[in-house]
Amino acid sequence: MLFSPSTKKFGGSVDLAAVLDFVDSGHDLILAADTSASDLFRDISTECGSDVDHKLIAGDEFIKSDVVLGPEKIKAPVFFRGVGHSLNPTNSMVLKVLSASPSAYSANPKTKLSNLPSLTGSAISLVSVVQASMISSYLDLFSDNKWVYHERGHLKAVNVRHHKVGETVEPAMYRIKDDLEYAVEIYEWSGTSWKPYIADDVQVQFYMMSPYVLKSENHV
């Protein structure tokens, strides 16, 4: 957890490269910033696919996800006092959790606008997540931390199986035009035990030189 946004330099051997290596090694990172975010914090955020803005912003558009936010809907508005950030459109692993309202824009509140704002509406991210990391532009939003700390909505995949259609043995490699079957068991942590995860939006990706295949999984 990095909750010191104004820090310009970490102590010892901890630097930007060390933090990114920590994330790339499969560990979790929670990064929080505000209007005082240093260049170091902004660089870490950028490397994770999110560019922190320099202005104040407000919004109330939440992601519609029971896994992230829980089954109970948020009824009261969120009073956000922080900075917005934009997501890297080429990063398929980044997900917007809280975005600004359609009428919001990012600009310096102390000066008159001479040009159109570069960020407006839902393009302004206030909280986003990346696989292996979480980025927020407002420290106070961490009062609800069950999903962040894997106390709710944490998934695990076990018993992965794949083979050619009509066969049972997993081959060492597949070739183009091979028809194959892929199965995996996914469980969700309910807070007390692992329960079967039931969803219709689970996808599997296969990467080769060409083509690249993205398919939706059928729940059975």
Protein backbone atom coordinates (compact mmCIF):
# COMPACT_ATOMS: atom_id res chain seq x y z
CA MET A 1 0.00 0.00 0.00
CA LEU A 2 1.37 3.41 -1.01
CA PHE A 3 -0.62 6.10 0.81
CA SER A 4 1.94 8.91 0.79
CA PRO A 5 1.22 10.71 -2.49
CA SER A 6 3.49 13.70 -1.85
CA THR A 7 6.57 11.50 -1.34
CA LYS A 8 9.24 12.40 -3.88
CA LYS A 9 11.63 9.56 -3.09
CA PHE A 10 11.40 6.25 -1.25
CA GLY A 11 14.11 5.14 1.14
CA GLY A 12 16.74 2.46 0.63
CA SER A 13 16.55 0.40 -2.56
CA VAL A 14 12.86 1.14 -3.17
CA ASP A 15 12.34 3.17 -6.34
CA LEU A 16 10.06 3.23 -9.38
CA ALA A 17 11.71 0.16 -10.92
CA ALA A 18 11.45 -1.79 -7.65
CA VAL A 19 7.72 -1.03 -7.31
CA LEU A 20 6.99 -2.06 -10.90
CA ASP A 21 9.05 -5.24 -10.46
CA PHE A 22 6.97 -6.01 -7.34
CA VAL A 23 3.75 -5.71 -9.38
CA ASP A 24 5.14 -7.66 -12.35
CA SER A 25 6.07 -10.48 -9.96
CA GLY A 26 2.37 -11.07 -9.26
CA HIS A 27 1.94 -9.05 -6.07
CA ASP A 28 -0.87 -6.62 -5.24
CA LEU A 29 -0.44 -2.84 -5.13
CA ILE A 30 -2.80 -0.17 -3.81
CA LEU A 31 -1.81 3.33 -4.89
CA ALA A 32 -3.64 6.42 -3.62
CA ALA A 33 -3.01 9.99 -4.70
CA ASP A 34 -4.46 13.47 -4.29
CA THR A 35 -3.79 16.97 -5.56
CA SER A 36 -0.32 16.88 -3.97
CA ALA A 37 0.78 13.76 -5.89
CA SER A 38 4.51 13.81 -6.63
CA ASP A 39 6.10 12.96 -9.97
CA LEU A 40 7.11 9.61 -8.48
CA PHE A 41 3.50 8.66 -7.72
CA ARG A 42 2.33 9.92 -11.10
CA ASP A 43 5.02 7.83 -12.83
CA ILE A 44 3.94 4.67 -10.96
CA SER A 45 0.33 5.31 -11.92
CA THR A 46 1.24 5.94 -15.56
CA GLU A 47 3.23 2.71 -15.77
CA CYS A 48 0.12 0.87 -14.52
CA GLY A 49 -1.99 2.38 -17.32
CA SER A 50 -3.49 5.43 -15.60
CA ASP A 51 -2.46 9.09 -15.97
CA VAL A 52 -3.18 11.25 -12.93
CA ASP A 53 -4.56 14.69 -13.72
CA HIS A 54 -3.51 17.92 -11.98
CA LYS A 55 -6.95 19.33 -11.19
CA LEU A 56 -9.86 18.88 -8.78
CA ILE A 57 -12.89 16.88 -9.93
CA ALA A 58 -16.19 15.51 -8.62
CA GLY A 59 -18.37 12.62 -9.79
CA ASP A 60 -20.72 9.78 -8.87
CA GLU A 61 -20.75 7.20 -11.69
CA PHE A 62 -19.95 3.73 -10.28
CA ILE A 63 -19.19 0.53 -12.14
CA LYS A 64 -22.12 -1.90 -12.17
CA SER A 65 -20.40 -4.93 -10.65
CA ASP A 66 -21.58 -7.03 -7.70
CA VAL A 67 -18.12 -8.60 -7.50
CA VAL A 68 -16.37 -5.27 -6.95
CA LEU A 69 -18.99 -3.31 -4.99
CA GLY A 70 -21.20 -6.06 -3.53
CA PRO A 71 -24.87 -6.85 -4.15
CA GLU A 72 -26.21 -3.82 -2.25
CA LYS A 73 -26.44 -0.73 -4.43
CA ILE A 74 -24.81 2.52 -3.32
CA LYS A 75 -27.70 4.88 -2.58
CA ALA A 76 -25.94 7.97 -1.22
CA PRO A 77 -23.69 10.07 -3.47
CA VAL A 78 -19.93 9.95 -3.01
CA PHE A 79 -18.36 13.30 -2.18
CA PHE A 80 -15.09 13.06 -4.04
CA ARG A 81 -12.30 15.49 -3.24
CA GLY A 82 -9.24 14.53 -5.24
CA VAL A 83 -7.80 14.44 -8.74
CA GLY A 84 -9.05 12.67 -11.81
CA HIS A 85 -7.03 10.41 -14.08
CA SER A 86 -7.37 9.03 -17.59
CA LEU A 87 -6.96 5.39 -18.60
CA ASN A 88 -4.68 4.02 -21.28
CA PRO A 89 -7.06 2.75 -24.02
CA THR A 90 -4.51 0.17 -25.19
CA ASN A 91 -4.35 -1.52 -21.77
CA SER A 92 -7.01 -4.24 -21.74
CA MET A 93 -6.31 -5.04 -18.06
CA VAL A 94 -7.40 -1.65 -16.68
CA LEU A 95 -10.99 -1.18 -15.47
CA LYS A 96 -12.84 1.97 -14.42
CA VAL A 97 -14.61 1.66 -11.02
CA LEU A 98 -15.73 5.24 -10.40
CA SER A 99 -15.97 7.93 -13.06
CA ALA A 100 -17.15 11.53 -13.15
CA SER A 101 -20.70 12.53 -13.99
CA PRO A 102 -21.58 13.41 -17.62
CA SER A 103 -21.56 17.14 -16.87
CA ALA A 104 -18.15 17.15 -15.16
CA TYR A 105 -14.93 18.41 -16.67
CA SER A 106 -11.33 18.59 -15.51
CA ALA A 107 -9.86 22.09 -15.28
CA ASN A 108 -8.15 24.49 -12.92
CA PRO A 109 -10.91 26.02 -10.77
CA LYS A 110 -8.84 29.16 -10.09
CA THR A 111 -8.48 30.26 -13.72
CA LYS A 112 -10.78 30.97 -16.65
CA LEU A 113 -11.00 28.40 -19.42
CA SER A 114 -9.20 29.48 -22.59
CA ASN A 115 -9.43 26.05 -24.29
CA LEU A 116 -11.79 23.11 -24.16
CA PRO A 117 -10.98 20.73 -21.26
CA SER A 118 -8.97 17.68 -22.27
CA LEU A 119 -11.03 15.43 -19.98
CA THR A 120 -14.82 15.54 -19.65
CA GLY A 121 -17.66 13.38 -18.35
CA SER A 122 -17.16 9.66 -17.93
CA ALA A 123 -13.71 9.87 -19.55
CA ILE A 124 -12.52 11.16 -16.17
CA SER A 125 -11.63 8.21 -13.95
CA LEU A 126 -11.69 8.70 -10.19
CA VAL A 127 -11.00 5.11 -9.13
CA SER A 128 -9.66 2.40 -11.44
CA VAL A 129 -8.24 -1.08 -11.05
CA VAL A 130 -5.63 -3.00 -12.97
CA GLN A 131 -4.94 -6.69 -12.60
CA ALA A 132 -2.46 -6.87 -9.66
CA SER A 133 -2.95 -3.21 -8.66
CA MET A 134 -5.54 -0.66 -7.59
CA ILE A 135 -5.33 3.09 -8.15
CA SER A 136 -7.44 5.74 -6.44
CA SER A 137 -7.16 9.51 -6.62
CA TYR A 138 -8.75 10.03 -3.20
CA LEU A 139 -7.45 8.51 0.06
CA ASP A 140 -10.80 8.69 1.89
CA LEU A 141 -12.38 6.19 -0.51
CA PHE A 142 -10.53 3.36 1.24
CA SER A 143 -13.09 3.24 4.07
CA ASP A 144 -14.72 0.31 2.20
CA ASN A 145 -11.89 -2.17 1.77
CA LYS A 146 -13.44 -5.67 1.67
CA TRP A 147 -12.93 -6.10 -2.10
CA VAL A 148 -9.49 -4.47 -2.00
CA TYR A 149 -8.22 -6.92 0.63
CA HIS A 150 -9.84 -10.02 -0.91
CA GLU A 151 -12.46 -10.29 1.83
CA ARG A 152 -15.23 -10.28 -0.81
CA GLY A 153 -15.38 -10.85 -4.55
CA HIS A 154 -12.02 -12.68 -4.66
CA LEU A 155 -11.94 -15.34 -7.39
CA LYS A 156 -9.77 -18.41 -7.83
CA ALA A 157 -9.50 -20.76 -10.80
CA VAL A 158 -8.70 -24.46 -10.28
CA ASN A 159 -8.84 -27.74 -12.19
CA VAL A 160 -8.00 -26.24 -15.59
CA ARG A 161 -8.50 -28.76 -18.41
CA HIS A 162 -8.03 -28.55 -22.18
CA HIS A 163 -7.72 -31.04 -25.01
CA LYS A 164 -8.70 -31.59 -28.62
CA VAL A 165 -12.33 -32.38 -29.32
CA GLY A 166 -12.88 -36.14 -29.04
CA GLU A 167 -9.71 -36.66 -27.03
CA THR A 168 -8.89 -36.61 -23.31
CA VAL A 169 -5.11 -36.11 -23.21
CA GLU A 170 -3.75 -32.55 -23.02
CA PRO A 171 -1.29 -32.07 -25.92
CA ALA A 172 1.94 -30.14 -25.62
CA MET A 173 0.84 -27.76 -28.38
CA TYR A 174 -2.05 -26.93 -30.69
CA ARG A 175 -2.09 -26.02 -34.36
CA ILE A 176 -4.21 -23.62 -36.36
CA LYS A 177 -7.68 -25.05 -37.13
CA ASP A 178 -7.52 -27.49 -34.19
CA ASP A 179 -10.89 -27.75 -32.42
CA LEU A 180 -10.43 -27.93 -28.68
CA GLU A 181 -12.35 -27.99 -25.41
CA TYR A 182 -11.37 -25.85 -22.44
CA ALA A 183 -12.83 -26.09 -18.93
CA VAL A 184 -12.03 -24.45 -15.60
CA GLU A 185 -13.64 -24.33 -12.17
CA ILE A 186 -14.02 -20.81 -10.73
CA TYR A 187 -14.88 -20.09 -7.11
CA GLU A 188 -15.70 -16.83 -5.31
CA TRP A 189 -14.84 -16.06 -1.68
CA SER A 190 -18.06 -15.13 0.13
CA GLY A 191 -16.35 -13.89 3.29
CA THR A 192 -16.54 -17.24 5.05
CA SER A 193 -16.08 -19.92 2.37
CA TRP A 194 -15.49 -20.57 -1.35
CA LYS A 195 -18.70 -20.70 -3.39
CA PRO A 196 -19.12 -21.60 -7.09
CA TYR A 197 -18.83 -18.44 -9.20
CA ILE A 198 -21.84 -18.17 -11.50
CA ALA A 199 -21.48 -15.68 -14.35
CA ASP A 200 -22.11 -15.42 -18.09
CA ASP A 201 -19.23 -13.04 -18.91
CA VAL A 202 -16.18 -15.25 -18.27
CA GLN A 203 -13.87 -15.30 -21.29
CA VAL A 204 -10.83 -17.28 -22.39
CA GLN A 205 -8.09 -16.02 -24.71
CA PHE A 206 -5.70 -18.01 -26.89
CA TYR A 207 -2.59 -16.29 -28.23
CA MET A 208 -0.63 -17.45 -31.25
CA MET A 209 1.34 -15.70 -33.94
CA SER A 210 -1.95 -15.54 -35.86
CA PRO A 211 -4.84 -15.57 -35.18
CA TYR A 212 -5.72 -14.60 -31.63
CA VAL A 213 -8.96 -16.07 -30.26
CA LEU A 214 -11.31 -14.63 -27.62
CA LYS A 215 -14.29 -16.79 -26.62
CA SER A 216 -16.95 -16.64 -23.92
CA GLU A 217 -17.18 -19.59 -21.55
CA ASN A 218 -20.45 -21.47 -21.03
CA HIS A 219 -21.49 -22.08 -17.42
CA VAL A 220 -22.36 -25.75 -16.73
